[in-house]
Each structure stands twice: as C-alpha cells, then as structure tokens.
Amino acid sequence: MAAGKYNIRIDQGSDFSIQLTVKESGSAKNITGYSARAQLRSSVTSSSITATFTCTITNAAQGILTMALPAATTTNITPGNYVYDLEIVTGSAVQRLIEGTATLRAEVTR
C-alpha cells in the first residue's frame, strides 16, 4: 500500500507534535513489536538530515503513535520548505505510512 500524503507546518522555536492512528482496512492496526522513525530533509535526494523526529508508540494495541520535534530543535532549523516521511519497522520489514512537505515558519518573538 502506498504511503498517505500529509503536509505539515512547523513553527520555528515551538514544540511540534502530531498523533497518528495506524489503520489497516479501516481498523486500528496493532503495532506491538514495531518501532517508528521519521526524518526531515531539504529534499528527497538530500544526504543530509535536517532533523530527526522523536517517534513514540503510545498505544500499540490501538495503533497510536506520536511524531515530535522539541522547540530546541525547531529553533535551529532555517525557515523554508522541507520533506519528511514516517515509517514503522518490525524486524526487517519497513512500511512507510505518510510523507509530505513540512513548511517551517519563521519565529518572530525571540
């Protein structure tokens, strides 16, 4: 199954967090035994990672996970457009769940 597309906005200097429910055939997928990973890059082909999201499975039986960046990280990212994706992993199997653009908006109050 192809990854879903979901564009996100991140405010520079702020905490960013999004909670997701993994579903399969319309029902929550049990992701017990899985881990999750996500990265932010300037382009799909970039070899440099702009930031690595903290991914936490908060309720494996219900397929719920959180993808986050702390303010300390977003403060140091140059405003602009980036790409990201989120994957779940179990053993050697990797499934990309979502992908999209991430627009980092400049902080005014510093």
PDB file of N, CA and C in Angstrom:
ATOM      1  N   MET A   1       0.840  -1.174   0.000  1.00  0.00           N
ATOM      2  CA  MET A   1       0.000   0.000   0.000  1.00  0.00           C
ATOM      3  C   MET A   1       0.890   1.244   0.000  1.00  0.00           C
ATOM      4  N   ALA A   2       0.543   2.224  -0.785  1.00  0.00           N
ATOM      5  CA  ALA A   2       1.312   3.465  -0.885  1.00  0.00           C
ATOM      6  C   ALA A   2       1.121   4.327   0.367  1.00  0.00           C
ATOM      7  N   ALA A   3       2.146   5.073   0.684  1.00  0.00           N
ATOM      8  CA  ALA A   3       2.081   5.975   1.833  1.00  0.00           C
ATOM      9  C   ALA A   3       1.062   7.084   1.575  1.00  0.00           C
ATOM     10  N   GLY A   4       0.394   7.501   2.647  1.00  0.00           N
ATOM     11  CA  GLY A   4      -0.521   8.627   2.538  1.00  0.00           C
ATOM     12  C   GLY A   4       0.257   9.922   2.463  1.00  0.00           C
ATOM     13  N   LYS A   5      -0.369  10.944   1.926  1.00  0.00           N
ATOM     14  CA  LYS A   5       0.279  12.252   1.834  1.00  0.00           C
ATOM     15  C   LYS A   5      -0.348  13.178   2.861  1.00  0.00           C
ATOM     16  N   TYR A   6       0.513  13.809   3.681  1.00  0.00           N
ATOM     17  CA  TYR A   6       0.038  14.737   4.696  1.00  0.00           C
ATOM     18  C   TYR A   6       1.093  15.816   4.881  1.00  0.00           C
ATOM     19  N   ASN A   7       0.759  17.037   4.490  1.00  0.00           N
ATOM     20  CA  ASN A   7       1.680  18.155   4.632  1.00  0.00           C
ATOM     21  C   ASN A   7       1.535  18.760   6.022  1.00  0.00           C
ATOM     22  N   ILE A   8       2.665  19.132   6.609  1.00  0.00           N
ATOM     23  CA  ILE A   8       2.660  19.675   7.967  1.00  0.00           C
ATOM     24  C   ILE A   8       3.282  21.063   7.997  1.00  0.00           C
ATOM     25  N   ARG A   9       2.922  21.825   9.039  1.00  0.00           N
ATOM     26  CA  ARG A   9       3.523  23.132   9.306  1.00  0.00           C
ATOM     27  C   ARG A   9       4.177  23.068  10.672  1.00  0.00           C
ATOM     28  N   ILE A  10       5.390  23.556  10.738  1.00  0.00           N
ATOM     29  CA  ILE A  10       6.144  23.575  11.986  1.00  0.00           C
ATOM     30  C   ILE A  10       6.524  25.022  12.266  1.00  0.00           C
ATOM     31  N   ASP A  11       6.261  25.487  13.471  1.00  0.00           N
ATOM     32  CA  ASP A  11       6.633  26.845  13.859  1.00  0.00           C
ATOM     33  C   ASP A  11       8.024  26.830  14.482  1.00  0.00           C
ATOM     34  N   GLN A  12       8.924  27.617  13.919  1.00  0.00           N
ATOM     35  CA  GLN A  12      10.281  27.718  14.434  1.00  0.00           C
ATOM     36  C   GLN A  12      10.234  28.157  15.905  1.00  0.00           C
ATOM     37  N   GLY A  13      11.015  27.504  16.756  1.00  0.00           N
ATOM     38  CA  GLY A  13      11.084  27.866  18.161  1.00  0.00           C
ATOM     39  C   GLY A  13       9.964  27.297  19.008  1.00  0.00           C
ATOM     40  N   SER A  14       9.096  26.477  18.420  1.00  0.00           N
ATOM     41  CA  SER A  14       7.976  25.873  19.151  1.00  0.00           C
ATOM     42  C   SER A  14       8.103  24.356  19.125  1.00  0.00           C
ATOM     43  N   ASP A  15       7.473  23.722  20.116  1.00  0.00           N
ATOM     44  CA  ASP A  15       7.366  22.269  20.102  1.00  0.00           C
ATOM     45  C   ASP A  15       6.401  21.883  18.986  1.00  0.00           C
ATOM     46  N   PHE A  16       6.709  20.808  18.287  1.00  0.00           N
ATOM     47  CA  PHE A  16       5.829  20.265  17.264  1.00  0.00           C
ATOM     48  C   PHE A  16       5.501  18.826  17.639  1.00  0.00           C
ATOM     49  N   SER A  17       4.244  18.462  17.531  1.00  0.00           N
ATOM     50  CA  SER A  17       3.830  17.094  17.829  1.00  0.00           C
ATOM     51  C   SER A  17       2.563  16.777  17.052  1.00  0.00           C
ATOM     52  N   ILE A  18       2.506  15.569  16.536  1.00  0.00           N
ATOM     53  CA  ILE A  18       1.308  15.103  15.863  1.00  0.00           C
ATOM     54  C   ILE A  18       1.070  13.653  16.276  1.00  0.00           C
ATOM     55  N   GLN A  19      -0.169  13.342  16.605  1.00  0.00           N
ATOM     56  CA  GLN A  19      -0.534  11.984  16.994  1.00  0.00           C
ATOM     57  C   GLN A  19      -1.262  11.326  15.828  1.00  0.00           C
ATOM     58  N   LEU A  20      -0.894  10.095  15.529  1.00  0.00           N
ATOM     59  CA  LEU A  20      -1.456   9.368  14.394  1.00  0.00           C
ATOM     60  C   LEU A  20      -1.976   8.006  14.834  1.00  0.00           C
ATOM     61  N   THR A  21      -3.011   7.559  14.167  1.00  0.00           N
ATOM     62  CA  THR A  21      -3.515   6.204  14.384  1.00  0.00           C
ATOM     63  C   THR A  21      -3.289   5.417  13.099  1.00  0.00           C
ATOM     64  N   VAL A  22      -2.536   4.341  13.204  1.00  0.00           N
ATOM     65  CA  VAL A  22      -2.257   3.480  12.059  1.00  0.00           C
ATOM     66  C   VAL A  22      -3.469   2.571  11.855  1.00  0.00           C
ATOM     67  N   LYS A  23      -4.005   2.597  10.646  1.00  0.00           N
ATOM     68  CA  LYS A  23      -5.167   1.764  10.335  1.00  0.00           C
ATOM     69  C   LYS A  23      -4.865   0.871   9.147  1.00  0.00           C
ATOM     70  N   GLU A  24      -5.511  -0.281   9.166  1.00  0.00           N
ATOM     71  CA  GLU A  24      -5.398  -1.229   8.071  1.00  0.00           C
ATOM     72  C   GLU A  24      -6.807  -1.742   7.793  1.00  0.00           C
ATOM     73  N   SER A  25      -7.265  -1.590   6.573  1.00  0.00           N
ATOM     74  CA  SER A  25      -8.637  -1.978   6.191  1.00  0.00           C
ATOM     75  C   SER A  25      -9.677  -1.307   7.085  1.00  0.00           C
ATOM     76  N   GLY A  26      -9.410  -0.045   7.462  1.00  0.00           N
ATOM     77  CA  GLY A  26     -10.359   0.739   8.239  1.00  0.00           C
ATOM     78  C   GLY A  26     -10.326   0.534   9.738  1.00  0.00           C
ATOM     79  N   SER A  27      -9.540  -0.410  10.218  1.00  0.00           N
ATOM     80  CA  SER A  27      -9.454  -0.675  11.655  1.00  0.00           C
ATOM     81  C   SER A  27      -8.053  -0.366  12.170  1.00  0.00           C
ATOM     82  N   ALA A  28      -7.961  -0.008  13.442  1.00  0.00           N
ATOM     83  CA  ALA A  28      -6.660   0.267  14.045  1.00  0.00           C
ATOM     84  C   ALA A  28      -5.775  -0.973  13.935  1.00  0.00           C
ATOM     85  N   LYS A  29      -4.529  -0.755  13.543  1.00  0.00           N
ATOM     86  CA  LYS A  29      -3.568  -1.852  13.401  1.00  0.00           C
ATOM     87  C   LYS A  29      -2.798  -2.006  14.701  1.00  0.00           C
ATOM     88  N   ASN A  30      -2.714  -3.212  15.193  1.00  0.00           N
ATOM     89  CA  ASN A  30      -1.915  -3.483  16.383  1.00  0.00           C
ATOM     90  C   ASN A  30      -0.445  -3.413  15.979  1.00  0.00           C
ATOM     91  N   ILE A  31       0.279  -2.451  16.538  1.00  0.00           N
ATOM     92  CA  ILE A  31       1.690  -2.262  16.175  1.00  0.00           C
ATOM     93  C   ILE A  31       2.624  -2.675  17.323  1.00  0.00           C
ATOM     94  N   THR A  32       2.157  -3.612  18.123  1.00  0.00           N
ATOM     95  CA  THR A  32       3.012  -4.171  19.174  1.00  0.00           C
ATOM     96  C   THR A  32       4.230  -4.807  18.509  1.00  0.00           C
ATOM     97  N   GLY A  33       5.409  -4.505  19.034  1.00  0.00           N
ATOM     98  CA  GLY A  33       6.646  -5.034  18.467  1.00  0.00           C
ATOM     99  C   GLY A  33       7.231  -4.179  17.359  1.00  0.00           C
ATOM    100  N   TYR A  34       6.558  -3.105  17.000  1.00  0.00           N
ATOM    101  CA  TYR A  34       7.046  -2.190  15.966  1.00  0.00           C
ATOM    102  C   TYR A  34       7.804  -1.038  16.609  1.00  0.00           C
ATOM    103  N   SER A  35       8.632  -0.382  15.823  1.00  0.00           N
ATOM    104  CA  SER A  35       9.202   0.913  16.182  1.00  0.00           C
ATOM    105  C   SER A  35       8.849   1.865  15.049  1.00  0.00           C
ATOM    106  N   ALA A  36       9.019   3.150  15.296  1.00  0.00           N
ATOM    107  CA  ALA A  36       8.704   4.150  14.266  1.00  0.00           C
ATOM    108  C   ALA A  36       9.891   5.085  14.109  1.00  0.00           C
ATOM    109  N   ARG A  37      10.043   5.631  12.914  1.00  0.00           N
ATOM    110  CA  ARG A  37      11.135   6.569  12.639  1.00  0.00           C
ATOM    111  C   ARG A  37      10.683   7.570  11.594  1.00  0.00           C
ATOM    112  N   ALA A  38      11.214   8.790  11.707  1.00  0.00           N
ATOM    113  CA  ALA A  38      10.860   9.852  10.755  1.00  0.00           C
ATOM    114  C   ALA A  38      12.000  10.857  10.685  1.00  0.00           C
ATOM    115  N   GLN A  39      12.220  11.367   9.494  1.00  0.00           N
ATOM    116  CA  GLN A  39      13.274  12.363   9.279  1.00  0.00           C
ATOM    117  C   GLN A  39      12.757  13.522   8.442  1.00  0.00           C
ATOM    118  N   LEU A  40      13.413  14.670   8.633  1.00  0.00           N
ATOM    119  CA  LEU A  40      13.152  15.890   7.879  1.00  0.00           C
ATOM    120  C   LEU A  40      14.403  16.178   7.058  1.00  0.00           C
ATOM    121  N   ARG A  41      14.233  16.441   5.768  1.00  0.00           N
ATOM    122  CA  ARG A  41      15.367  16.752   4.885  1.00  0.00           C
ATOM    123  C   ARG A  41      14.987  17.909   3.963  1.00  0.00           C
ATOM    124  N   SER A  42      15.986  18.543   3.395  1.00  0.00           N
ATOM    125  CA  SER A  42      15.728  19.668   2.489  1.00  0.00           C
ATOM    126  C   SER A  42      15.137  19.205   1.159  1.00  0.00           C
ATOM    127  N   SER A  43      15.423  17.974   0.765  1.00  0.00           N
ATOM    128  CA  SER A  43      14.851  17.392  -0.457  1.00  0.00           C
ATOM    129  C   SER A  43      14.900  15.878  -0.320  1.00  0.00           C
ATOM    130  N   VAL A  44      14.166  15.206  -1.161  1.00  0.00           N
ATOM    131  CA  VAL A  44      14.130  13.744  -1.129  1.00  0.00           C
ATOM    132  C   VAL A  44      15.514  13.161  -1.375  1.00  0.00           C
ATOM    133  N   THR A  45      16.303  13.810  -2.217  1.00  0.00           N
ATOM    134  CA  THR A  45      17.623  13.281  -2.581  1.00  0.00           C
ATOM    135  C   THR A  45      18.747  13.771  -1.670  1.00  0.00           C
ATOM    136  N   SER A  46      18.453  14.636  -0.717  1.00  0.00           N
ATOM    137  CA  SER A  46      19.496  15.163   0.164  1.00  0.00           C
ATOM    138  C   SER A  46      20.094  14.064   1.038  1.00  0.00           C
ATOM    139  N   SER A  47      21.414  14.049   1.145  1.00  0.00           N
ATOM    140  CA  SER A  47      22.076  13.078   2.022  1.00  0.00           C
ATOM    141  C   SER A  47      22.163  13.598   3.457  1.00  0.00           C
ATOM    142  N   SER A  48      21.851  14.873   3.663  1.00  0.00           N
ATOM    143  CA  SER A  48      21.913  15.480   4.992  1.00  0.00           C
ATOM    144  C   SER A  48      20.542  15.474   5.655  1.00  0.00           C
ATOM    145  N   ILE A  49      20.520  15.036   6.909  1.00  0.00           N
ATOM    146  CA  ILE A  49      19.288  15.054   7.694  1.00  0.00           C
ATOM    147  C   ILE A  49      19.178  16.420   8.367  1.00  0.00           C
ATOM    148  N   THR A  50      18.072  17.107   8.145  1.00  0.00           N
ATOM    149  CA  THR A  50      17.833  18.392   8.801  1.00  0.00           C
ATOM    150  C   THR A  50      17.454  18.170  10.254  1.00  0.00           C
ATOM    151  N   ALA A  51      16.587  17.190  10.512  1.00  0.00           N
ATOM    152  CA  ALA A  51      16.169  16.852  11.874  1.00  0.00           C
ATOM    153  C   ALA A  51      15.606  15.436  11.881  1.00  0.00           C
ATOM    154  N   THR A  52      15.716  14.809  13.034  1.00  0.00           N
ATOM    155  CA  THR A  52      15.123  13.501  13.249  1.00  0.00           C
ATOM    156  C   THR A  52      13.995  13.656  14.260  1.00  0.00           C
ATOM    157  N   PHE A  53      12.813  13.251  13.870  1.00  0.00           N
ATOM    158  CA  PHE A  53      11.665  13.321  14.762  1.00  0.00           C
ATOM    159  C   PHE A  53      11.799  12.256  15.854  1.00  0.00           C
ATOM    160  N   THR A  54      11.301  12.564  17.026  1.00  0.00           N
ATOM    161  CA  THR A  54      11.155  11.566  18.074  1.00  0.00           C
ATOM    162  C   THR A  54       9.826  10.873  17.832  1.00  0.00           C
ATOM    163  N   CYS A  55       9.864   9.571  17.640  1.00  0.00           N
ATOM    164  CA  CYS A  55       8.643   8.806  17.373  1.00  0.00           C
ATOM    165  C   CYS A  55       8.399   7.860  18.538  1.00  0.00           C
ATOM    166  N   THR A  56       7.219   7.955  19.118  1.00  0.00           N
ATOM    167  CA  THR A  56       6.868   7.163  20.290  1.00  0.00           C
ATOM    168  C   THR A  56       5.550   6.438  20.031  1.00  0.00           C
ATOM    169  N   ILE A  57       5.560   5.146  20.237  1.00  0.00           N
ATOM    170  CA  ILE A  57       4.316   4.386  20.150  1.00  0.00           C
ATOM    171  C   ILE A  57       3.647   4.495  21.516  1.00  0.00           C
ATOM    172  N   THR A  58       2.502   5.177  21.554  1.00  0.00           N
ATOM    173  CA  THR A  58       1.842   5.475  22.829  1.00  0.00           C
ATOM    174  C   THR A  58       0.760   4.469  23.193  1.00  0.00           C
ATOM    175  N   ASN A  59       0.202   3.772  22.202  1.00  0.00           N
ATOM    176  CA  ASN A  59      -0.786   2.726  22.459  1.00  0.00           C
ATOM    177  C   ASN A  59      -0.698   1.733  21.304  1.00  0.00           C
ATOM    178  N   ALA A  60       0.178   0.750  21.460  1.00  0.00           N
ATOM    179  CA  ALA A  60       0.454  -0.189  20.373  1.00  0.00           C
ATOM    180  C   ALA A  60      -0.784  -0.972  19.947  1.00  0.00           C
ATOM    181  N   ALA A  61      -1.583  -1.414  20.900  1.00  0.00           N
ATOM    182  CA  ALA A  61      -2.766  -2.222  20.575  1.00  0.00           C
ATOM    183  C   ALA A  61      -3.766  -1.455  19.714  1.00  0.00           C
ATOM    184  N   GLN A  62      -3.828  -0.137  19.906  1.00  0.00           N
ATOM    185  CA  GLN A  62      -4.752   0.708  19.142  1.00  0.00           C
ATOM    186  C   GLN A  62      -4.060   1.410  17.965  1.00  0.00           C
ATOM    187  N   GLY A  63      -2.767   1.109  17.728  1.00  0.00           N
ATOM    188  CA  GLY A  63      -2.046   1.667  16.592  1.00  0.00           C
ATOM    189  C   GLY A  63      -1.724   3.146  16.713  1.00  0.00           C
ATOM    190  N   ILE A  64      -1.612   3.662  17.933  1.00  0.00           N
ATOM    191  CA  ILE A  64      -1.406   5.105  18.130  1.00  0.00           C
ATOM    192  C   ILE A  64       0.071   5.411  18.357  1.00  0.00           C
ATOM    193  N   LEU A  65       0.573   6.384  17.600  1.00  0.00           N
ATOM    194  CA  LEU A  65       1.950   6.840  17.772  1.00  0.00           C
ATOM    195  C   LEU A  65       2.025   8.351  17.658  1.00  0.00           C
ATOM    196  N   THR A  66       3.105   8.899  18.174  1.00  0.00           N
ATOM    197  CA  THR A  66       3.329  10.344  18.150  1.00  0.00           C
ATOM    198  C   THR A  66       4.663  10.622  17.468  1.00  0.00           C
ATOM    199  N   MET A  67       4.676  11.654  16.630  1.00  0.00           N
ATOM    200  CA  MET A  67       5.870  12.122  15.942  1.00  0.00           C
ATOM    201  C   MET A  67       6.112  13.553  16.418  1.00  0.00           C
ATOM    202  N   ALA A  68       7.313  13.849  16.934  1.00  0.00           N
ATOM    203  CA  ALA A  68       7.524  15.157  17.557  1.00  0.00           C
ATOM    204  C   ALA A  68       8.923  15.718  17.312  1.00  0.00           C
ATOM    205  N   LEU A  69       8.999  17.041  17.388  1.00  0.00           N
ATOM    206  CA  LEU A  69      10.268  17.782  17.408  1.00  0.00           C
ATOM    207  C   LEU A  69      10.174  18.782  18.561  1.00  0.00           C
ATOM    208  N   PRO A  70      11.193  18.851  19.421  1.00  0.00           N
ATOM    209  CA  PRO A  70      11.157  19.828  20.504  1.00  0.00           C
ATOM    210  C   PRO A  70      11.535  21.228  20.018  1.00  0.00           C
ATOM    211  N   ALA A  71      11.155  22.220  20.780  1.00  0.00           N
ATOM    212  CA  ALA A  71      11.474  23.616  20.445  1.00  0.00           C
ATOM    213  C   ALA A  71      12.976  23.819  20.263  1.00  0.00           C
ATOM    214  N   ALA A  72      13.780  23.133  21.065  1.00  0.00           N
ATOM    215  CA  ALA A  72      15.241  23.270  20.957  1.00  0.00           C
ATOM    216  C   ALA A  72      15.741  22.870  19.568  1.00  0.00           C
ATOM    217  N   THR A  73      15.043  21.962  18.914  1.00  0.00           N
ATOM    218  CA  THR A  73      15.405  21.547  17.558  1.00  0.00           C
ATOM    219  C   THR A  73      14.838  22.507  16.520  1.00  0.00           C
ATOM    220  N   THR A  74      13.562  22.856  16.633  1.00  0.00           N
ATOM    221  CA  THR A  74      12.941  23.721  15.617  1.00  0.00           C
ATOM    222  C   THR A  74      13.578  25.108  15.590  1.00  0.00           C
ATOM    223  N   THR A  75      14.107  25.557  16.728  1.00  0.00           N
ATOM    224  CA  THR A  75      14.779  26.858  16.795  1.00  0.00           C
ATOM    225  C   THR A  75      15.952  26.935  15.828  1.00  0.00           C
ATOM    226  N   ASN A  76      16.632  25.806  15.643  1.00  0.00           N
ATOM    227  CA  ASN A  76      17.856  25.783  14.839  1.00  0.00           C
ATOM    228  C   ASN A  76      17.646  25.393  13.376  1.00  0.00           C
ATOM    229  N   ILE A  77      16.408  25.290  12.951  1.00  0.00           N
ATOM    230  CA  ILE A  77      16.130  24.956  11.546  1.00  0.00           C
ATOM    231  C   ILE A  77      15.788  26.234  10.792  1.00  0.00           C
ATOM    232  N   THR A  78      16.432  26.426   9.656  1.00  0.00           N
ATOM    233  CA  THR A  78      16.173  27.587   8.826  1.00  0.00           C
ATOM    234  C   THR A  78      14.761  27.510   8.250  1.00  0.00           C
ATOM    235  N   PRO A  79      13.975  28.582   8.360  1.00  0.00           N
ATOM    236  CA  PRO A  79      12.622  28.571   7.790  1.00  0.00           C
ATOM    237  C   PRO A  79      12.651  28.227   6.300  1.00  0.00           C
ATOM    238  N   GLY A  80      11.635  27.514   5.862  1.00  0.00           N
ATOM    239  CA  GLY A  80      11.545  27.131   4.455  1.00  0.00           C
ATOM    240  C   GLY A  80      10.757  25.859   4.295  1.00  0.00           C
ATOM    241  N   ASN A  81      10.877  25.261   3.113  1.00  0.00           N
ATOM    242  CA  ASN A  81      10.145  24.039   2.791  1.00  0.00           C
ATOM    243  C   ASN A  81      11.075  22.838   2.823  1.00  0.00           C
ATOM    244  N   TYR A  82      10.583  21.761   3.408  1.00  0.00           N
ATOM    245  CA  TYR A  82      11.326  20.524   3.572  1.00  0.00           C
ATOM    246  C   TYR A  82      10.428  19.359   3.189  1.00  0.00           C
ATOM    247  N   VAL A  83      10.978  18.151   3.222  1.00  0.00           N
ATOM    248  CA  VAL A  83      10.200  16.932   3.026  1.00  0.00           C
ATOM    249  C   VAL A  83      10.431  16.024   4.220  1.00  0.00           C
ATOM    250  N   TYR A  84       9.465  15.158   4.475  1.00  0.00           N
ATOM    251  CA  TYR A  84       9.591  14.208   5.579  1.00  0.00           C
ATOM    252  C   TYR A  84       8.833  12.940   5.216  1.00  0.00           C
ATOM    253  N   ASP A  85       9.120  11.883   5.933  1.00  0.00           N
ATOM    254  CA  ASP A  85       8.264  10.712   5.900  1.00  0.00           C
ATOM    255  C   ASP A  85       8.352  10.011   7.249  1.00  0.00           C
ATOM    256  N   LEU A  86       7.378   9.152   7.494  1.00  0.00           N
ATOM    257  CA  LEU A  86       7.267   8.396   8.734  1.00  0.00           C
ATOM    258  C   LEU A  86       7.116   6.926   8.379  1.00  0.00           C
ATOM    259  N   GLU A  87       7.942   6.091   8.994  1.00  0.00           N
ATOM    260  CA  GLU A  87       7.916   4.663   8.731  1.00  0.00           C
ATOM    261  C   GLU A  87       7.730   3.888  10.038  1.00  0.00           C
ATOM    262  N   ILE A  88       7.107   2.712   9.929  1.00  0.00           N
ATOM    263  CA  ILE A  88       7.094   1.775  11.047  1.00  0.00           C
ATOM    264  C   ILE A  88       7.933   0.572  10.630  1.00  0.00           C
ATOM    265  N   VAL A  89       8.593  -0.011  11.621  1.00  0.00           N
ATOM    266  CA  VAL A  89       9.547  -1.089  11.358  1.00  0.00           C
ATOM    267  C   VAL A  89       9.293  -2.238  12.322  1.00  0.00           C
ATOM    268  N   THR A  90       9.301  -3.441  11.806  1.00  0.00           N
ATOM    269  CA  THR A  90       9.286  -4.643  12.634  1.00  0.00           C
ATOM    270  C   THR A  90      10.214  -5.652  11.979  1.00  0.00           C
ATOM    271  N   GLY A  91      11.217  -6.095  12.723  1.00  0.00           N
ATOM    272  CA  GLY A  91      12.222  -6.986  12.136  1.00  0.00           C
ATOM    273  C   GLY A  91      12.877  -6.294  10.959  1.00  0.00           C
ATOM    274  N   SER A  92      12.868  -6.942   9.795  1.00  0.00           N
ATOM    275  CA  SER A  92      13.454  -6.331   8.596  1.00  0.00           C
ATOM    276  C   SER A  92      12.394  -5.684   7.699  1.00  0.00           C
ATOM    277  N   ALA A  93      11.119  -5.733   8.125  1.00  0.00           N
ATOM    278  CA  ALA A  93      10.032  -5.154   7.328  1.00  0.00           C
ATOM    279  C   ALA A  93       9.836  -3.681   7.665  1.00  0.00           C
ATOM    280  N   VAL A  94       9.820  -2.853   6.640  1.00  0.00           N
ATOM    281  CA  VAL A  94       9.632  -1.411   6.779  1.00  0.00           C
ATOM    282  C   VAL A  94       8.408  -1.004   5.978  1.00  0.00           C
ATOM    283  N   GLN A  95       7.536  -0.202   6.600  1.00  0.00           N
ATOM    284  CA  GLN A  95       6.350   0.302   5.900  1.00  0.00           C
ATOM    285  C   GLN A  95       6.292   1.809   6.078  1.00  0.00           C
ATOM    286  N   ARG A  96       6.319   2.532   4.963  1.00  0.00           N
ATOM    287  CA  ARG A  96       6.176   3.983   5.019  1.00  0.00           C
ATOM    288  C   ARG A  96       4.694   4.295   5.161  1.00  0.00           C
ATOM    289  N   LEU A  97       4.350   5.061   6.204  1.00  0.00           N
ATOM    290  CA  LEU A  97       2.954   5.382   6.471  1.00  0.00           C
ATOM    291  C   LEU A  97       2.513   6.669   5.807  1.00  0.00           C
ATOM    292  N   ILE A  98       3.272   7.737   6.051  1.00  0.00           N
ATOM    293  CA  ILE A  98       2.923   9.036   5.480  1.00  0.00           C
ATOM    294  C   ILE A  98       4.175   9.742   4.991  1.00  0.00           C
ATOM    295  N   GLU A  99       3.951  10.676   4.089  1.00  0.00           N
ATOM    296  CA  GLU A  99       5.022  11.507   3.545  1.00  0.00           C
ATOM    297  C   GLU A  99       4.416  12.844   3.163  1.00  0.00           C
ATOM    298  N   GLY A 100       5.264  13.836   3.024  1.00  0.00           N
ATOM    299  CA  GLY A 100       4.749  15.122   2.596  1.00  0.00           C
ATOM    300  C   GLY A 100       5.772  16.218   2.748  1.00  0.00           C
ATOM    301  N   THR A 101       5.294  17.427   2.574  1.00  0.00           N
ATOM    302  CA  THR A 101       6.155  18.584   2.778  1.00  0.00           C
ATOM    303  C   THR A 101       5.972  19.082   4.207  1.00  0.00           C
ATOM    304  N   ALA A 102       7.018  19.681   4.707  1.00  0.00           N
ATOM    305  CA  ALA A 102       6.981  20.320   6.015  1.00  0.00           C
ATOM    306  C   ALA A 102       7.413  21.755   5.806  1.00  0.00           C
ATOM    307  N   THR A 103       6.521  22.672   6.087  1.00  0.00           N
ATOM    308  CA  THR A 103       6.840  24.086   5.957  1.00  0.00           C
ATOM    309  C   THR A 103       7.224  24.598   7.347  1.00  0.00           C
ATOM    310  N   LEU A 104       8.441  25.070   7.463  1.00  0.00           N
ATOM    311  CA  LEU A 104       8.893  25.632   8.735  1.00  0.00           C
ATOM    312  C   LEU A 104       8.746  27.137   8.661  1.00  0.00           C
ATOM    313  N   ARG A 105       7.868  27.659   9.519  1.00  0.00           N
ATOM    314  CA  ARG A 105       7.568  29.091   9.512  1.00  0.00           C
ATOM    315  C   ARG A 105       8.428  29.819  10.532  1.00  0.00           C
ATOM    316  N   ALA A 106       8.941  30.972  10.124  1.00  0.00           N
ATOM    317  CA  ALA A 106       9.885  31.737  10.944  1.00  0.00           C
ATOM    318  C   ALA A 106       9.253  32.251  12.232  1.00  0.00           C
ATOM    319  N   GLU A 107      10.064  32.190  13.276  1.00  0.00           N
ATOM    320  CA  GLU A 107       9.661  32.728  14.574  1.00  0.00           C
ATOM    321  C   GLU A 107       9.906  34.237  14.576  1.00  0.00           C
ATOM    322  N   VAL A 108       8.972  34.997  15.111  1.00  0.00           N
ATOM    323  CA  VAL A 108       9.105  36.442  15.210  1.00  0.00           C
ATOM    324  C   VAL A 108       9.586  36.821  16.613  1.00  0.00           C
ATOM    325  N   THR A 109       8.933  36.274  17.631  1.00  0.00           N
ATOM    326  CA  THR A 109       9.310  36.576  19.010  1.00  0.00           C
ATOM    327  C   THR A 109      10.462  35.687  19.420  1.00  0.00           C
ATOM    328  N   ARG A 110      11.582  36.328  19.817  1.00  0.00           N
ATOM    329  CA  ARG A 110      12.759  35.566  20.208  1.00  0.00           C
ATOM    330  C   ARG A 110      13.253  36.045  21.546  1.00  0.00           C
TER     331      ARG A 110
END
